[in-house]
C-alpha atoms as a PDB file:
ATOM      1  CA  MET A   1       0.000   0.000   0.000  1.00  0.00           C
ATOM      2  CA  ASN A   2       1.426   3.397  -1.018  1.00  0.00           C
ATOM      3  CA  PRO A   3       1.249   6.490   1.182  1.00  0.00           C
ATOM      4  CA  ARG A   4      -1.542   8.921   0.312  1.00  0.00           C
ATOM      5  CA  TYR A   5       0.815  11.926   0.467  1.00  0.00           C
ATOM      6  CA  VAL A   6       4.515  12.196  -0.304  1.00  0.00           C
ATOM      7  CA  GLY A   7       6.736  15.209  -0.154  1.00  0.00           C
ATOM      8  CA  PRO A   8       6.965  18.053   0.570  1.00  0.00           C
ATOM      9  CA  TYR A   9       7.701  19.382  -2.919  1.00  0.00           C
ATOM     10  CA  PRO A  10       7.966  23.052  -3.864  1.00  0.00           C
ATOM     11  CA  ILE A  11       5.458  24.696  -6.181  1.00  0.00           C
ATOM     12  CA  GLU A  12       7.178  25.428  -9.485  1.00  0.00           C
ATOM     13  CA  GLN A  13       4.313  27.303 -11.137  1.00  0.00           C
ATOM     14  CA  ILE A  14       0.706  28.277 -10.472  1.00  0.00           C
ATOM     15  CA  VAL A  15      -0.974  27.072 -13.663  1.00  0.00           C
ATOM     16  CA  ASN A  16      -4.369  28.592 -12.823  1.00  0.00           C
ATOM     17  CA  PRO A  17      -6.349  29.282  -9.622  1.00  0.00           C
ATOM     18  CA  SER A  18      -7.105  25.588  -9.171  1.00  0.00           C
ATOM     19  CA  ALA A  19      -3.934  23.848 -10.423  1.00  0.00           C
ATOM     20  CA  VAL A  20      -0.222  23.991  -9.637  1.00  0.00           C
ATOM     21  CA  ARG A  21       2.882  22.389 -11.102  1.00  0.00           C
ATOM     22  CA  LEU A  22       5.255  20.876  -8.551  1.00  0.00           C
ATOM     23  CA  THR A  23       8.982  20.245  -8.822  1.00  0.00           C
ATOM     24  CA  LEU A  24       9.063  16.442  -8.547  1.00  0.00           C
ATOM     25  CA  PRO A  25      11.885  13.911  -8.780  1.00  0.00           C
ATOM     26  CA  ALA A  26      11.860  11.948 -12.060  1.00  0.00           C
ATOM     27  CA  ALA A  27      11.719   8.699 -10.067  1.00  0.00           C
ATOM     28  CA  LEU A  28       8.081   9.429  -9.125  1.00  0.00           C
ATOM     29  CA  LYS A  29       7.010   9.058 -12.778  1.00  0.00           C
ATOM     30  CA  VAL A  30       3.834  11.129 -12.371  1.00  0.00           C
ATOM     31  CA  HIS A  31       2.618  14.227 -14.169  1.00  0.00           C
ATOM     32  CA  PRO A  32       3.726  17.269 -12.119  1.00  0.00           C
ATOM     33  CA  THR A  33       0.453  19.260 -12.384  1.00  0.00           C
ATOM     34  CA  PHE A  34      -2.104  18.755  -9.605  1.00  0.00           C
ATOM     35  CA  HIS A  35      -5.479  20.184  -8.622  1.00  0.00           C
ATOM     36  CA  VAL A  36      -5.095  22.190  -5.408  1.00  0.00           C
ATOM     37  CA  SER A  37      -7.616  19.954  -3.617  1.00  0.00           C
ATOM     38  CA  LEU A  38      -5.047  17.132  -3.820  1.00  0.00           C
ATOM     39  CA  LEU A  39      -2.369  19.083  -1.950  1.00  0.00           C
ATOM     40  CA  LYS A  40      -1.766  19.564   1.762  1.00  0.00           C
ATOM     41  CA  PRO A  41      -0.009  22.633   3.151  1.00  0.00           C
ATOM     42  CA  VAL A  42       3.229  22.041   5.014  1.00  0.00           C
ATOM     43  CA  GLY A  43       3.475  23.451   8.529  1.00  0.00           C
ATOM     44  CA  GLU A  44       7.257  23.811   8.724  1.00  0.00           C
ATOM     45  CA  SER A  45       9.974  22.281   6.594  1.00  0.00           C
ATOM     46  CA  GLU A  46      13.137  23.246   4.762  1.00  0.00           C
ATOM     47  CA  PHE A  47      10.816  24.521   1.985  1.00  0.00           C
ATOM     48  CA  SER A  48       8.531  26.430   4.303  1.00  0.00           C
ATOM     49  CA  PRO A  49      10.277  28.278   7.146  1.00  0.00           C
ATOM     50  CA  PRO A  50       8.284  28.965  10.314  1.00  0.00           C
ATOM     51  CA  ALA A  51       6.002  31.978  10.288  1.00  0.00           C
ATOM     52  CA  ASN A  52       6.995  35.006  12.321  1.00  0.00           C
ATOM     53  CA  ALA A  53       6.064  34.500  15.930  1.00  0.00           C
ATOM     54  CA  PRO A  54       3.407  36.875  17.267  1.00  0.00           C
ATOM     55  CA  PRO A  55       4.693  39.639  19.541  1.00  0.00           C
ATOM     56  CA  ALA A  56       5.023  38.925  23.250  1.00  0.00           C
ATOM     57  CA  PRO A  57       2.025  40.142  25.250  1.00  0.00           C
ATOM     58  CA  LEU A  58       2.206  43.336  27.260  1.00  0.00           C
ATOM     59  CA  VAL A  59       1.693  42.993  31.002  1.00  0.00           C
ATOM     60  CA  ILE A  60      -0.946  45.333  32.412  1.00  0.00           C
ATOM     61  CA  GLU A  61      -1.660  45.106  36.144  1.00  0.00           C
ATOM     62  CA  GLY A  62      -0.081  41.653  36.207  1.00  0.00           C
ATOM     63  CA  HIS A  63      -2.190  40.266  33.335  1.00  0.00           C
ATOM     64  CA  PRO A  64      -1.095  39.553  29.760  1.00  0.00           C
ATOM     65  CA  ALA A  65      -2.580  41.887  27.138  1.00  0.00           C
ATOM     66  CA  HIS A  66      -2.218  42.038  23.359  1.00  0.00           C
ATOM     67  CA  ARG A  67      -2.274  45.101  21.123  1.00  0.00           C
ATOM     68  CA  VAL A  68      -5.291  45.743  18.907  1.00  0.00           C
ATOM     69  CA  SER A  69      -4.160  46.905  15.473  1.00  0.00           C
ATOM     70  CA  ARG A  70      -7.610  48.070  14.341  1.00  0.00           C
ATOM     71  CA  ILE A  71     -11.342  47.770  14.877  1.00  0.00           C
ATOM     72  CA  LEU A  72     -13.140  46.108  11.975  1.00  0.00           C
ATOM     73  CA  ASP A  73     -16.829  46.070  12.933  1.00  0.00           C
ATOM     74  CA  VAL A  74     -19.324  46.677  15.723  1.00  0.00           C
ATOM     75  CA  ARG A  75     -22.445  44.834  16.861  1.00  0.00           C
ATOM     76  CA  ARG A  76     -25.009  45.393  19.596  1.00  0.00           C
ATOM     77  CA  ARG A  77     -24.942  42.877  22.445  1.00  0.00           C
ATOM     78  CA  GLY A  78     -27.413  43.403  25.267  1.00  0.00           C
ATOM     79  CA  ARG A  79     -27.122  47.004  26.488  1.00  0.00           C
ATOM     80  CA  GLY A  80     -23.716  47.598  24.946  1.00  0.00           C
ATOM     81  CA  PHE A  81     -21.611  46.988  21.888  1.00  0.00           C
ATOM     82  CA  GLN A  82     -18.936  44.519  20.921  1.00  0.00           C
ATOM     83  CA  TYR A  83     -16.152  45.344  18.504  1.00  0.00           C
ATOM     84  CA  LEU A  84     -14.464  42.959  16.089  1.00  0.00           C
ATOM     85  CA  VAL A  85     -10.741  43.532  16.505  1.00  0.00           C
ATOM     86  CA  ASP A  86      -7.679  42.648  14.490  1.00  0.00           C
ATOM     87  CA  TRP A  87      -4.754  41.745  16.774  1.00  0.00           C
ATOM     88  CA  GLU A  88      -1.276  43.077  16.047  1.00  0.00           C
ATOM     89  CA  GLY A  89       0.951  40.243  14.816  1.00  0.00           C
ATOM     90  CA  TYR A  90      -1.878  37.710  14.360  1.00  0.00           C
ATOM     91  CA  GLY A  91      -3.807  36.561  11.290  1.00  0.00           C
ATOM     92  CA  PRO A  92      -7.511  36.998  10.504  1.00  0.00           C
ATOM     93  CA  GLU A  93      -8.342  33.631  12.079  1.00  0.00           C
ATOM     94  CA  GLU A  94      -7.551  35.165  15.490  1.00  0.00           C
ATOM     95  CA  ARG A  95      -9.963  38.121  15.230  1.00  0.00           C
ATOM     96  CA  SER A  96     -12.395  38.349  18.116  1.00  0.00           C
ATOM     97  CA  TRP A  97     -15.352  40.315  19.458  1.00  0.00           C
ATOM     98  CA  LEU A  98     -14.670  42.368  22.587  1.00  0.00           C
ATOM     99  CA  PRO A  99     -16.735  44.747  24.703  1.00  0.00           C
ATOM    100  CA  ARG A 100     -15.599  48.373  24.577  1.00  0.00           C
ATOM    101  CA  ARG A 101     -14.214  48.308  28.132  1.00  0.00           C
ATOM    102  CA  GLN A 102     -11.574  45.740  27.071  1.00  0.00           C
ATOM    103  CA  ILE A 103     -10.175  47.900  24.248  1.00  0.00           C
ATOM    104  CA  PHE A 104      -7.711  50.612  25.211  1.00  0.00           C
ATOM    105  CA  GLY A 105      -6.912  53.486  22.896  1.00  0.00           C
ATOM    106  CA  SER A 106      -9.499  56.053  21.879  1.00  0.00           C
ATOM    107  CA  THR A 107      -7.648  56.570  18.583  1.00  0.00           C
ATOM    108  CA  LEU A 108      -8.838  53.135  17.437  1.00  0.00           C
ATOM    109  CA  PHE A 109     -12.457  54.121  18.017  1.00  0.00           C
ATOM    110  CA  ARG A 110     -12.069  57.531  16.364  1.00  0.00           C
ATOM    111  CA  GLU A 111     -10.533  55.943  13.261  1.00  0.00           C
ATOM    112  CA  PHE A 112     -13.233  53.262  13.106  1.00  0.00           C
ATOM    113  CA  TYR A 113     -16.135  55.734  13.366  1.00  0.00           C
ATOM    114  CA  ARG A 114     -14.460  58.189  10.980  1.00  0.00           C
ATOM    115  CA  ASP A 115     -14.266  55.410   8.353  1.00  0.00           C
ATOM    116  CA  ASN A 116     -17.706  53.945   9.260  1.00  0.00           C
ATOM    117  CA  PRO A 117     -19.974  56.871  10.211  1.00  0.00           C
ATOM    118  CA  GLY A 118     -23.179  54.839   9.821  1.00  0.00           C
ATOM    119  CA  LYS A 119     -22.199  52.143  12.310  1.00  0.00           C
ATOM    120  CA  PRO A 120     -23.938  52.006  15.707  1.00  0.00           C
ATOM    121  CA  GLY A 121     -22.246  53.190  18.869  1.00  0.00           C
ATOM    122  CA  ARG A 122     -20.354  56.368  19.575  1.00  0.00           C
ATOM    123  CA  PRO A 123     -16.740  57.408  19.229  1.00  0.00           C
ATOM    124  CA  PRO A 124     -14.942  58.565  22.393  1.00  0.00           C
ATOM    125  CA  GLY A 125     -16.350  61.858  23.627  1.00  0.00           C
ATOM    126  CA  GLY A 126     -19.775  61.155  22.114  1.00  0.00           C
ATOM    127  CA  ALA A 127     -19.301  63.334  19.021  1.00  0.00           C
ATOM    128  CA  ARG A 128     -20.106  61.889  15.634  1.00  0.00           C
END
């Protein structure tokens, strides 16, 4: 029985959005172009170095805290609002909804409401 996946092999060319050509050893004797659904991403290898580590958390009053790079959206929850935040040094899969009291930095709110004047809630100071 042969293994389902072999490799890793580097991508030589993106043929189209759904197919890639790999650099394969001749001994494999297979066509080098594959549909992307047949490939698995490599976590870390000599072909794929590790991603940059996220920044170390700040320590505020003895608790770890991470920097918010920007506010992306707002939604009403109960009597207040929650804000979808993008974390500095993290990818979109780590975005999360936070209540206003957990986000420090009035500049973030001012920028968000300046760019999204129709969104619910109020910028710091109450002015719109």
